[in-house]
Amino acid sequence: MFTSSQARWKGFQYHYQPEKSHVHPFLVDLWKSVAHQTDGLVQIEVSANNGGSKHSHLEIVQDLIDGKIQFYALMGSILGPIAPVMNIQSLPFIFSTNDDVYGAMDGEIGEYLQRELMPHGIYLFPHGLMENGFRHIVCSDKPVYKASDLAGVSIRIPEGKVFEDTFQALGANPVPLFVLELYDALKTGKVTAQENPLAILDSLRLYEVTTYVSKTAHMWSGFNLIGNLSFWQSMPKDIQEIVQTNITQYVAKQRQYTIALNAQLEEDLISKGMIFNQADTQTFRDYLKGDFYWGWKQQLGPKLWNLLEQRFGKLVSD
């Protein structure tokens, strides 16, 4: 099928989760399968924890654009400063189920995001959105029952304007912080709260430095598989097809695994001393309706907003 005279494509796949996570093993298996099916012509080394780099997400994205690394898996809103439309994945209370997310991001909305990233030298892989889960609010000192309980709370947020806007609207004090610094920030009291899917509490051992999990499911989050556009375009079509087929296959496996993991982690985390409560999410929605969504309609633009409302119904009145 392939000849020894063909070029070889070697590179690095970064992600910022630990090796023992719901991300790393699937990326390792994905690229092992690609290497096997291309007779070793494509060889990608997967580096957990961003290969030990202390650079910010956007600095690593720049490394990808510059060709220093070839692939990265990261949350969409982190790409917001490059392409504001990527914030759509973290808009609060838009997606109710995992299927809502996949239907949108594997379809027209995902295609729109891909087109917006390509001029920046970034290739967003179709069906390459890995699962992280619905996010909940986790505190070291108190539970959150309603939105007003967040008033003045120093809560760690990831990079992304949509996170900052959301928690400012809820009255909290959002503190942007790189995820690999989160454990120490909670331990030292730099922040007293954070918000993440249960899989992250487990993989980063945040149950050691927090106590209260308030179930809000306020946002969905996942990891977009992106590549250096020139590296991707340098591959002939048959190689690209092998890579894409494997991405679709292994991302589907990762999604199902992580959905099941999040579903069973509540019991595990309770056994480790965490206390769960169900928050009144309507109080959160009340803080965010009106001006919040209107502002994000302007930032995302009419084309993308129309695609969103076609799928999920009217979000703001004209």
C-alpha atoms as a PDB file:
ATOM      1  CA  MET A   1       0.000   0.000   0.000  1.00  0.00           C
ATOM      2  CA  PHE A   2       2.821   2.425   0.859  1.00  0.00           C
ATOM      3  CA  THR A   3       6.368   2.503  -0.416  1.00  0.00           C
ATOM      4  CA  SER A   4       9.597   3.161   1.418  1.00  0.00           C
ATOM      5  CA  SER A   5      10.250   6.171  -0.813  1.00  0.00           C
ATOM      6  CA  GLN A   6       7.326   8.087   0.704  1.00  0.00           C
ATOM      7  CA  ALA A   7       7.991  10.798   3.267  1.00  0.00           C
ATOM      8  CA  ARG A   8       7.603  10.126   6.950  1.00  0.00           C
ATOM      9  CA  TRP A   9       5.534  12.314   9.256  1.00  0.00           C
ATOM     10  CA  LYS A  10       6.916  12.474  12.766  1.00  0.00           C
ATOM     11  CA  GLY A  11       5.829  14.802  15.516  1.00  0.00           C
ATOM     12  CA  PHE A  12       4.303  15.408  18.909  1.00  0.00           C
ATOM     13  CA  GLN A  13       0.786  15.266  20.298  1.00  0.00           C
ATOM     14  CA  TYR A  14       0.446  17.403  23.443  1.00  0.00           C
ATOM     15  CA  HIS A  15      -2.353  17.413  25.988  1.00  0.00           C
ATOM     16  CA  TYR A  16      -2.482  18.801  29.518  1.00  0.00           C
ATOM     17  CA  GLN A  17      -3.933  15.873  31.436  1.00  0.00           C
ATOM     18  CA  PRO A  18      -1.904  13.298  33.430  1.00  0.00           C
ATOM     19  CA  GLU A  19      -0.978   9.951  31.937  1.00  0.00           C
ATOM     20  CA  LYS A  20      -3.574   8.348  34.239  1.00  0.00           C
ATOM     21  CA  SER A  21      -6.490  10.264  32.811  1.00  0.00           C
ATOM     22  CA  HIS A  22      -9.480   9.847  30.524  1.00  0.00           C
ATOM     23  CA  VAL A  23      -7.506  11.405  27.660  1.00  0.00           C
ATOM     24  CA  HIS A  24      -3.969  10.032  27.479  1.00  0.00           C
ATOM     25  CA  PRO A  25      -4.552   6.299  26.836  1.00  0.00           C
ATOM     26  CA  PHE A  26      -6.921   6.987  23.944  1.00  0.00           C
ATOM     27  CA  LEU A  27      -4.498   9.351  22.225  1.00  0.00           C
ATOM     28  CA  VAL A  28      -1.691   6.819  22.678  1.00  0.00           C
ATOM     29  CA  ASP A  29      -3.809   4.053  21.150  1.00  0.00           C
ATOM     30  CA  LEU A  30      -4.967   6.346  18.345  1.00  0.00           C
ATOM     31  CA  TRP A  31      -1.464   7.189  17.163  1.00  0.00           C
ATOM     32  CA  LYS A  32      -0.222   3.628  17.659  1.00  0.00           C
ATOM     33  CA  SER A  33      -2.979   2.470  15.344  1.00  0.00           C
ATOM     34  CA  VAL A  34      -2.117   5.155  12.780  1.00  0.00           C
ATOM     35  CA  ALA A  35       1.556   4.117  12.894  1.00  0.00           C
ATOM     36  CA  HIS A  36       0.601   0.486  12.347  1.00  0.00           C
ATOM     37  CA  GLN A  37      -1.809   1.179   9.506  1.00  0.00           C
ATOM     38  CA  THR A  38       0.679   3.455   7.711  1.00  0.00           C
ATOM     39  CA  ASP A  39       3.563   0.979   8.096  1.00  0.00           C
ATOM     40  CA  GLY A  40       5.311   3.419  10.409  1.00  0.00           C
ATOM     41  CA  LEU A  41       5.162   6.375   8.019  1.00  0.00           C
ATOM     42  CA  VAL A  42       3.231   8.439  10.588  1.00  0.00           C
ATOM     43  CA  GLN A  43       4.773   8.405  14.047  1.00  0.00           C
ATOM     44  CA  ILE A  44       3.379  10.759  16.665  1.00  0.00           C
ATOM     45  CA  GLU A  45       4.650  10.829  20.255  1.00  0.00           C
ATOM     46  CA  VAL A  46       1.975  11.617  22.842  1.00  0.00           C
ATOM     47  CA  SER A  47       3.103  13.866  25.700  1.00  0.00           C
ATOM     48  CA  ALA A  48       0.929  14.129  28.826  1.00  0.00           C
ATOM     49  CA  ASN A  49       1.068  17.273  30.973  1.00  0.00           C
ATOM     50  CA  ASN A  50       2.128  19.188  27.847  1.00  0.00           C
ATOM     51  CA  GLY A  51       5.469  17.422  27.944  1.00  0.00           C
ATOM     52  CA  GLY A  52       6.357  19.225  31.157  1.00  0.00           C
ATOM     53  CA  SER A  53       6.145  22.622  29.477  1.00  0.00           C
ATOM     54  CA  LYS A  54       5.402  25.608  31.712  1.00  0.00           C
ATOM     55  CA  HIS A  55       4.055  27.615  28.797  1.00  0.00           C
ATOM     56  CA  SER A  56       0.468  28.838  28.718  1.00  0.00           C
ATOM     57  CA  HIS A  57      -2.086  27.163  26.474  1.00  0.00           C
ATOM     58  CA  LEU A  58      -1.881  29.960  23.931  1.00  0.00           C
ATOM     59  CA  GLU A  59       1.909  29.764  23.864  1.00  0.00           C
ATOM     60  CA  ILE A  60       1.618  26.054  23.116  1.00  0.00           C
ATOM     61  CA  VAL A  61      -0.971  26.790  20.431  1.00  0.00           C
ATOM     62  CA  GLN A  62       1.559  29.192  18.920  1.00  0.00           C
ATOM     63  CA  ASP A  63       4.120  26.388  19.008  1.00  0.00           C
ATOM     64  CA  LEU A  64       1.618  24.300  17.051  1.00  0.00           C
ATOM     65  CA  ILE A  65       1.064  27.069  14.505  1.00  0.00           C
ATOM     66  CA  ASP A  66       4.848  27.451  14.167  1.00  0.00           C
ATOM     67  CA  GLY A  67       5.266  23.698  13.651  1.00  0.00           C
ATOM     68  CA  LYS A  68       7.209  23.009  16.850  1.00  0.00           C
ATOM     69  CA  ILE A  69       4.517  20.505  17.797  1.00  0.00           C
ATOM     70  CA  GLN A  70       2.042  18.956  15.410  1.00  0.00           C
ATOM     71  CA  PHE A  71      -1.084  18.173  17.445  1.00  0.00           C
ATOM     72  CA  TYR A  72      -2.748  19.486  20.588  1.00  0.00           C
ATOM     73  CA  ALA A  73      -5.927  18.598  22.490  1.00  0.00           C
ATOM     74  CA  LEU A  74      -7.505  21.502  24.356  1.00  0.00           C
ATOM     75  CA  MET A  75     -10.751  23.109  25.439  1.00  0.00           C
ATOM     76  CA  GLY A  76     -12.387  25.242  22.779  1.00  0.00           C
ATOM     77  CA  SER A  77     -12.684  28.493  24.724  1.00  0.00           C
ATOM     78  CA  ILE A  78      -8.898  28.588  25.164  1.00  0.00           C
ATOM     79  CA  LEU A  79      -8.764  29.314  21.432  1.00  0.00           C
ATOM     80  CA  GLY A  80     -11.116  32.270  21.907  1.00  0.00           C
ATOM     81  CA  PRO A  81      -8.413  34.960  21.567  1.00  0.00           C
ATOM     82  CA  ILE A  82      -7.545  33.467  18.167  1.00  0.00           C
ATOM     83  CA  ALA A  83     -11.080  32.662  16.993  1.00  0.00           C
ATOM     84  CA  PRO A  84     -13.818  34.051  19.308  1.00  0.00           C
ATOM     85  CA  VAL A  85     -16.340  31.590  17.873  1.00  0.00           C
ATOM     86  CA  MET A  86     -14.627  28.777  19.802  1.00  0.00           C
ATOM     87  CA  ASN A  87     -16.218  30.129  22.986  1.00  0.00           C
ATOM     88  CA  ILE A  88     -19.481  28.595  21.839  1.00  0.00           C
ATOM     89  CA  GLN A  89     -18.533  25.230  23.340  1.00  0.00           C
ATOM     90  CA  SER A  90     -18.514  26.723  26.860  1.00  0.00           C
ATOM     91  CA  LEU A  91     -21.647  28.881  26.734  1.00  0.00           C
ATOM     92  CA  PRO A  92     -23.509  28.158  29.989  1.00  0.00           C
ATOM     93  CA  PHE A  93     -26.748  26.175  30.029  1.00  0.00           C
ATOM     94  CA  ILE A  94     -26.910  25.701  26.244  1.00  0.00           C
ATOM     95  CA  PHE A  95     -26.241  21.960  26.069  1.00  0.00           C
ATOM     96  CA  SER A  96     -28.369  19.623  28.165  1.00  0.00           C
ATOM     97  CA  THR A  97     -26.926  16.283  27.084  1.00  0.00           C
ATOM     98  CA  ASN A  98     -23.760  14.894  25.556  1.00  0.00           C
ATOM     99  CA  ASP A  99     -25.723  14.144  22.397  1.00  0.00           C
ATOM    100  CA  ASP A 100     -26.608  17.853  22.178  1.00  0.00           C
ATOM    101  CA  VAL A 101     -22.903  18.619  22.044  1.00  0.00           C
ATOM    102  CA  TYR A 102     -21.954  15.908  19.562  1.00  0.00           C
ATOM    103  CA  GLY A 103     -24.867  16.709  17.254  1.00  0.00           C
ATOM    104  CA  ALA A 104     -23.769  20.339  17.078  1.00  0.00           C
ATOM    105  CA  MET A 105     -19.989  19.932  17.003  1.00  0.00           C
ATOM    106  CA  ASP A 106     -19.921  16.959  14.638  1.00  0.00           C
ATOM    107  CA  GLY A 107     -22.264  18.839  12.308  1.00  0.00           C
ATOM    108  CA  GLU A 108     -22.712  22.315  10.863  1.00  0.00           C
ATOM    109  CA  ILE A 109     -21.452  24.182  13.905  1.00  0.00           C
ATOM    110  CA  GLY A 110     -18.253  22.136  13.964  1.00  0.00           C
ATOM    111  CA  GLU A 111     -17.735  22.771  10.258  1.00  0.00           C
ATOM    112  CA  TYR A 112     -18.142  26.513  10.863  1.00  0.00           C
ATOM    113  CA  LEU A 113     -15.538  26.433  13.644  1.00  0.00           C
ATOM    114  CA  GLN A 114     -13.151  24.521  11.404  1.00  0.00           C
ATOM    115  CA  ARG A 115     -13.430  27.181   8.687  1.00  0.00           C
ATOM    116  CA  GLU A 116     -12.756  29.943  11.207  1.00  0.00           C
ATOM    117  CA  LEU A 117      -9.553  28.305  12.478  1.00  0.00           C
ATOM    118  CA  MET A 118      -7.957  27.423   9.156  1.00  0.00           C
ATOM    119  CA  PRO A 119      -6.790  30.982   8.300  1.00  0.00           C
ATOM    120  CA  HIS A 120      -4.774  30.868  11.535  1.00  0.00           C
ATOM    121  CA  GLY A 121      -2.856  27.762  10.484  1.00  0.00           C
ATOM    122  CA  ILE A 122      -4.930  25.434  12.686  1.00  0.00           C
ATOM    123  CA  TYR A 123      -6.770  22.336  11.486  1.00  0.00           C
ATOM    124  CA  LEU A 124      -9.744  21.326  13.649  1.00  0.00           C
ATOM    125  CA  PHE A 125     -10.410  17.628  13.131  1.00  0.00           C
ATOM    126  CA  PRO A 126     -13.976  16.558  12.319  1.00  0.00           C
ATOM    127  CA  HIS A 127     -15.298  14.170  14.983  1.00  0.00           C
ATOM    128  CA  GLY A 128     -12.201  15.028  17.030  1.00  0.00           C
ATOM    129  CA  LEU A 129     -13.895  16.564  20.062  1.00  0.00           C
ATOM    130  CA  MET A 130     -12.984  14.456  23.089  1.00  0.00           C
ATOM    131  CA  GLU A 131     -15.232  14.268  26.142  1.00  0.00           C
ATOM    132  CA  ASN A 132     -14.478  15.936  29.463  1.00  0.00           C
ATOM    133  CA  GLY A 133     -17.990  16.361  30.816  1.00  0.00           C
ATOM    134  CA  PHE A 134     -20.466  18.732  32.357  1.00  0.00           C
ATOM    135  CA  ARG A 135     -18.886  21.059  34.868  1.00  0.00           C
ATOM    136  CA  HIS A 136     -19.852  21.418  38.538  1.00  0.00           C
ATOM    137  CA  ILE A 137     -18.799  23.905  41.218  1.00  0.00           C
ATOM    138  CA  VAL A 138     -16.438  22.519  43.852  1.00  0.00           C
ATOM    139  CA  CYS A 139     -15.536  24.422  47.041  1.00  0.00           C
ATOM    140  CA  SER A 140     -13.157  23.852  49.906  1.00  0.00           C
ATOM    141  CA  ASP A 141     -15.248  25.604  52.565  1.00  0.00           C
ATOM    142  CA  LYS A 142     -18.977  25.543  51.751  1.00  0.00           C
ATOM    143  CA  PRO A 143     -21.627  24.129  49.419  1.00  0.00           C
ATOM    144  CA  VAL A 144     -23.342  26.247  46.781  1.00  0.00           C
ATOM    145  CA  TYR A 145     -27.118  25.872  46.760  1.00  0.00           C
ATOM    146  CA  LYS A 146     -28.042  28.920  44.693  1.00  0.00           C
ATOM    147  CA  ALA A 147     -26.265  31.485  42.540  1.00  0.00           C
ATOM    148  CA  SER A 148     -26.114  34.101  45.306  1.00  0.00           C
ATOM    149  CA  ASP A 149     -23.920  31.705  47.323  1.00  0.00           C
ATOM    150  CA  LEU A 150     -21.135  32.522  44.860  1.00  0.00           C
ATOM    151  CA  ALA A 151     -21.004  36.210  45.821  1.00  0.00           C
ATOM    152  CA  GLY A 152     -17.362  37.159  46.361  1.00  0.00           C
ATOM    153  CA  VAL A 153     -16.093  33.573  46.082  1.00  0.00           C
ATOM    154  CA  SER A 154     -12.609  33.290  44.566  1.00  0.00           C
ATOM    155  CA  ILE A 155     -13.128  30.611  41.964  1.00  0.00           C
ATOM    156  CA  ARG A 156     -10.485  29.309  39.608  1.00  0.00           C
ATOM    157  CA  ILE A 157     -11.470  29.421  35.954  1.00  0.00           C
ATOM    158  CA  PRO A 158      -9.598  28.221  32.880  1.00  0.00           C
ATOM    159  CA  GLU A 159      -8.453  30.603  30.189  1.00  0.00           C
ATOM    160  CA  GLY A 160     -11.418  31.847  28.186  1.00  0.00           C
ATOM    161  CA  LYS A 161     -13.504  35.005  28.177  1.00  0.00           C
ATOM    162  CA  VAL A 162     -16.777  33.095  28.409  1.00  0.00           C
ATOM    163  CA  PHE A 163     -15.722  31.711  31.809  1.00  0.00           C
ATOM    164  CA  GLU A 164     -14.767  35.137  33.102  1.00  0.00           C
ATOM    165  CA  ASP A 165     -18.017  36.713  31.869  1.00  0.00           C
ATOM    166  CA  THR A 166     -20.114  33.899  33.324  1.00  0.00           C
ATOM    167  CA  PHE A 167     -18.709  33.985  36.843  1.00  0.00           C
ATOM    168  CA  GLN A 168     -18.564  37.749  36.996  1.00  0.00           C
ATOM    169  CA  ALA A 169     -22.254  37.780  36.082  1.00  0.00           C
ATOM    170  CA  LEU A 170     -22.848  35.306  38.919  1.00  0.00           C
ATOM    171  CA  GLY A 171     -21.121  37.628  41.409  1.00  0.00           C
ATOM    172  CA  ALA A 172     -18.023  35.510  41.990  1.00  0.00           C
ATOM    173  CA  ASN A 173     -14.387  36.564  41.772  1.00  0.00           C
ATOM    174  CA  PRO A 174     -13.039  34.497  38.844  1.00  0.00           C
ATOM    175  CA  VAL A 175      -9.289  33.801  38.887  1.00  0.00           C
ATOM    176  CA  PRO A 176      -7.819  32.532  35.581  1.00  0.00           C
ATOM    177  CA  LEU A 177      -5.273  29.832  36.383  1.00  0.00           C
ATOM    178  CA  PHE A 178      -3.517  27.120  34.406  1.00  0.00           C
ATOM    179  CA  VAL A 179      -5.017  23.749  35.260  1.00  0.00           C
ATOM    180  CA  LEU A 180      -1.726  22.186  36.356  1.00  0.00           C
ATOM    181  CA  GLU A 181      -1.435  24.905  39.045  1.00  0.00           C
ATOM    182  CA  LEU A 182      -4.943  24.275  40.372  1.00  0.00           C
ATOM    183  CA  TYR A 183      -4.121  21.704  43.054  1.00  0.00           C
ATOM    184  CA  ASP A 184      -1.589  23.971  44.793  1.00  0.00           C
ATOM    185  CA  ALA A 185      -3.862  27.018  44.457  1.00  0.00           C
ATOM    186  CA  LEU A 186      -6.633  25.198  46.330  1.00  0.00           C
ATOM    187  CA  LYS A 187      -4.239  23.758  48.877  1.00  0.00           C
ATOM    188  CA  THR A 188      -2.765  27.163  49.752  1.00  0.00           C
ATOM    189  CA  GLY A 189      -6.077  29.026  49.672  1.00  0.00           C
ATOM    190  CA  LYS A 190      -5.198  31.170  46.655  1.00  0.00           C
ATOM    191  CA  VAL A 191      -8.671  30.174  45.504  1.00  0.00           C
ATOM    192  CA  THR A 192     -11.428  28.505  47.514  1.00  0.00           C
ATOM    193  CA  ALA A 193     -13.412  27.075  44.624  1.00  0.00           C
ATOM    194  CA  GLN A 194     -13.083  25.657  41.147  1.00  0.00           C
ATOM    195  CA  GLU A 195     -15.423  24.194  38.538  1.00  0.00           C
ATOM    196  CA  ASN A 196     -14.794  21.097  36.464  1.00  0.00           C
ATOM    197  CA  PRO A 197     -16.240  17.740  35.473  1.00  0.00           C
ATOM    198  CA  LEU A 198     -15.910  14.964  38.038  1.00  0.00           C
ATOM    199  CA  ALA A 199     -13.284  13.261  35.868  1.00  0.00           C
ATOM    200  CA  ILE A 200     -10.934  16.194  36.521  1.00  0.00           C
ATOM    201  CA  LEU A 201     -11.499  16.035  40.294  1.00  0.00           C
ATOM    202  CA  ASP A 202     -10.396  12.445  40.070  1.00  0.00           C
ATOM    203  CA  SER A 203      -7.463  12.723  37.658  1.00  0.00           C
ATOM    204  CA  LEU A 204      -5.945  15.759  39.432  1.00  0.00           C
ATOM    205  CA  ARG A 205      -6.746  14.400  42.950  1.00  0.00           C
ATOM    206  CA  LEU A 206      -8.661  17.571  43.817  1.00  0.00           C
ATOM    207  CA  TYR A 207     -10.643  15.577  46.364  1.00  0.00           C
ATOM    208  CA  GLU A 208      -7.569  15.984  48.581  1.00  0.00           C
ATOM    209  CA  VAL A 209      -7.956  19.783  48.731  1.00  0.00           C
ATOM    210  CA  THR A 210     -11.735  20.339  48.389  1.00  0.00           C
ATOM    211  CA  THR A 211     -14.847  19.022  50.108  1.00  0.00           C
ATOM    212  CA  TYR A 212     -18.112  20.240  48.557  1.00  0.00           C
ATOM    213  CA  VAL A 213     -19.382  19.367  45.087  1.00  0.00           C
ATOM    214  CA  SER A 214     -22.419  21.398  44.060  1.00  0.00           C
ATOM    215  CA  LYS A 215     -23.973  19.816  40.996  1.00  0.00           C
ATOM    216  CA  THR A 216     -24.717  22.588  38.526  1.00  0.00           C
ATOM    217  CA  ALA A 217     -23.838  21.147  35.091  1.00  0.00           C
ATOM    218  CA  HIS A 218     -23.519  24.799  34.109  1.00  0.00           C
ATOM    219  CA  MET A 219     -21.248  24.173  31.109  1.00  0.00           C
ATOM    220  CA  TRP A 220     -20.038  21.301  29.000  1.00  0.00           C
ATOM    221  CA  SER A 221     -16.352  20.947  28.224  1.00  0.00           C
ATOM    222  CA  GLY A 222     -14.185  18.777  26.040  1.00  0.00           C
ATOM    223  CA  PHE A 223     -10.856  18.646  24.281  1.00  0.00           C
ATOM    224  CA  ASN A 224     -10.622  19.642  20.627  1.00  0.00           C
ATOM    225  CA  LEU A 225      -8.045  17.737  18.630  1.00  0.00           C
ATOM    226  CA  ILE A 226      -6.239  20.291  16.477  1.00  0.00           C
ATOM    227  CA  GLY A 227      -3.257  20.014  14.159  1.00  0.00           C
ATOM    228  CA  ASN A 228      -0.724  22.183  12.405  1.00  0.00           C
ATOM    229  CA  LEU A 229      -2.444  22.936   9.104  1.00  0.00           C
ATOM    230  CA  SER A 230       0.705  22.707   6.956  1.00  0.00           C
ATOM    231  CA  PHE A 231       1.698  19.376   8.537  1.00  0.00           C
ATOM    232  CA  TRP A 232      -1.769  18.022   7.874  1.00  0.00           C
ATOM    233  CA  GLN A 233      -1.852  19.284   4.286  1.00  0.00           C
ATOM    234  CA  SER A 234       1.555  17.725   3.611  1.00  0.00           C
ATOM    235  CA  MET A 235      -0.008  14.273   3.958  1.00  0.00           C
ATOM    236  CA  PRO A 236      -1.437  12.620   0.839  1.00  0.00           C
ATOM    237  CA  LYS A 237      -5.134  11.868   0.852  1.00  0.00           C
ATOM    238  CA  ASP A 238      -4.772   8.165   1.651  1.00  0.00           C
ATOM    239  CA  ILE A 239      -2.701   8.939   4.756  1.00  0.00           C
ATOM    240  CA  GLN A 240      -5.159  11.634   5.809  1.00  0.00           C
ATOM    241  CA  GLU A 241      -8.010   9.149   5.504  1.00  0.00           C
ATOM    242  CA  ILE A 242      -6.243   6.704   7.812  1.00  0.00           C
ATOM    243  CA  VAL A 243      -5.607   9.413  10.399  1.00  0.00           C
ATOM    244  CA  GLN A 244      -9.181  10.720  10.222  1.00  0.00           C
ATOM    245  CA  THR A 245     -10.695   7.231  10.462  1.00  0.00           C
ATOM    246  CA  ASN A 246      -8.673   6.524  13.592  1.00  0.00           C
ATOM    247  CA  ILE A 247      -9.539   9.875  15.149  1.00  0.00           C
ATOM    248  CA  THR A 248     -13.241   9.202  14.625  1.00  0.00           C
ATOM    249  CA  GLN A 249     -12.911   5.683  16.057  1.00  0.00           C
ATOM    250  CA  TYR A 250     -10.826   6.463  19.136  1.00  0.00           C
ATOM    251  CA  VAL A 251     -12.597   9.711  20.012  1.00  0.00           C
ATOM    252  CA  ALA A 252     -15.910   7.813  19.970  1.00  0.00           C
ATOM    253  CA  LYS A 253     -14.413   5.301  22.407  1.00  0.00           C
ATOM    254  CA  GLN A 254     -13.050   8.095  24.605  1.00  0.00           C
ATOM    255  CA  ARG A 255     -16.439   9.805  24.707  1.00  0.00           C
ATOM    256  CA  GLN A 256     -18.278   6.708  25.860  1.00  0.00           C
ATOM    257  CA  TYR A 257     -15.606   5.836  28.416  1.00  0.00           C
ATOM    258  CA  THR A 258     -15.655   9.329  29.937  1.00  0.00           C
ATOM    259  CA  ILE A 259     -19.447   9.534  30.068  1.00  0.00           C
ATOM    260  CA  ALA A 260     -19.453   6.269  32.037  1.00  0.00           C
ATOM    261  CA  LEU A 261     -16.560   7.465  34.210  1.00  0.00           C
ATOM    262  CA  ASN A 262     -18.332  10.688  35.193  1.00  0.00           C
ATOM    263  CA  ALA A 263     -21.503   8.734  35.943  1.00  0.00           C
ATOM    264  CA  GLN A 264     -19.808   6.441  38.455  1.00  0.00           C
ATOM    265  CA  LEU A 265     -17.384   8.932  40.024  1.00  0.00           C
ATOM    266  CA  GLU A 266     -19.903  10.502  42.407  1.00  0.00           C
ATOM    267  CA  GLU A 267     -19.974   7.333  44.510  1.00  0.00           C
ATOM    268  CA  ASP A 268     -16.190   7.045  44.396  1.00  0.00           C
ATOM    269  CA  LEU A 269     -15.671  10.663  45.431  1.00  0.00           C
ATOM    270  CA  ILE A 270     -18.161  10.348  48.301  1.00  0.00           C
ATOM    271  CA  SER A 271     -16.092   7.433  49.579  1.00  0.00           C
ATOM    272  CA  LYS A 272     -13.085   9.796  49.543  1.00  0.00           C
ATOM    273  CA  GLY A 273     -14.879  12.310  51.772  1.00  0.00           C
ATOM    274  CA  MET A 274     -16.543  14.639  49.286  1.00  0.00           C
ATOM    275  CA  ILE A 275     -20.032  15.969  50.025  1.00  0.00           C
ATOM    276  CA  PHE A 276     -22.484  16.381  47.124  1.00  0.00           C
ATOM    277  CA  ASN A 277     -25.545  18.590  46.795  1.00  0.00           C
ATOM    278  CA  GLN A 278     -27.854  19.552  43.950  1.00  0.00           C
ATOM    279  CA  ALA A 279     -27.800  23.298  43.250  1.00  0.00           C
ATOM    280  CA  ASP A 280     -30.858  25.248  42.124  1.00  0.00           C
ATOM    281  CA  THR A 281     -29.748  25.914  38.559  1.00  0.00           C
ATOM    282  CA  GLN A 282     -32.716  28.163  37.805  1.00  0.00           C
ATOM    283  CA  THR A 283     -31.150  30.789  40.061  1.00  0.00           C
ATOM    284  CA  PHE A 284     -28.041  30.651  37.853  1.00  0.00           C
ATOM    285  CA  ARG A 285     -30.094  30.976  34.687  1.00  0.00           C
ATOM    286  CA  ASP A 286     -31.852  34.025  36.132  1.00  0.00           C
ATOM    287  CA  TYR A 287     -28.510  35.792  36.588  1.00  0.00           C
ATOM    288  CA  LEU A 288     -27.462  35.019  33.009  1.00  0.00           C
ATOM    289  CA  LYS A 289     -30.592  35.684  30.962  1.00  0.00           C
ATOM    290  CA  GLY A 290     -30.971  38.817  28.878  1.00  0.00           C
ATOM    291  CA  ASP A 291     -27.812  40.917  28.685  1.00  0.00           C
ATOM    292  CA  PHE A 292     -25.415  37.992  29.098  1.00  0.00           C
ATOM    293  CA  TYR A 293     -26.657  36.039  26.081  1.00  0.00           C
ATOM    294  CA  TRP A 294     -27.248  39.196  24.055  1.00  0.00           C
ATOM    295  CA  GLY A 295     -23.609  40.154  24.580  1.00  0.00           C
ATOM    296  CA  TRP A 296     -22.424  36.741  23.466  1.00  0.00           C
ATOM    297  CA  LYS A 297     -24.628  36.877  20.396  1.00  0.00           C
ATOM    298  CA  GLN A 298     -22.651  39.949  19.338  1.00  0.00           C
ATOM    299  CA  GLN A 299     -19.299  38.290  20.065  1.00  0.00           C
ATOM    300  CA  LEU A 300     -20.044  35.041  18.241  1.00  0.00           C
ATOM    301  CA  GLY A 301     -21.631  36.737  15.247  1.00  0.00           C
ATOM    302  CA  PRO A 302     -25.006  36.290  13.527  1.00  0.00           C
ATOM    303  CA  LYS A 303     -24.072  33.286  11.353  1.00  0.00           C
ATOM    304  CA  LEU A 304     -22.931  31.104  14.223  1.00  0.00           C
ATOM    305  CA  TRP A 305     -25.702  32.328  16.522  1.00  0.00           C
ATOM    306  CA  ASN A 306     -28.300  31.420  13.907  1.00  0.00           C
ATOM    307  CA  LEU A 307     -26.854  27.914  13.661  1.00  0.00           C
ATOM    308  CA  LEU A 308     -27.042  27.650  17.451  1.00  0.00           C
ATOM    309  CA  GLU A 309     -30.662  28.811  17.624  1.00  0.00           C
ATOM    310  CA  GLN A 310     -31.689  26.580  14.739  1.00  0.00           C
ATOM    311  CA  ARG A 311     -30.616  23.625  16.859  1.00  0.00           C
ATOM    312  CA  PHE A 312     -31.541  24.744  20.391  1.00  0.00           C
ATOM    313  CA  GLY A 313     -34.247  27.357  19.949  1.00  0.00           C
ATOM    314  CA  LYS A 314     -34.380  31.086  20.619  1.00  0.00           C
ATOM    315  CA  LEU A 315     -31.890  32.247  23.232  1.00  0.00           C
ATOM    316  CA  VAL A 316     -32.438  36.013  23.079  1.00  0.00           C
ATOM    317  CA  SER A 317     -35.307  38.119  21.801  1.00  0.00           C
ATOM    318  CA  ASP A 318     -34.688  40.339  18.777  1.00  0.00           C
END
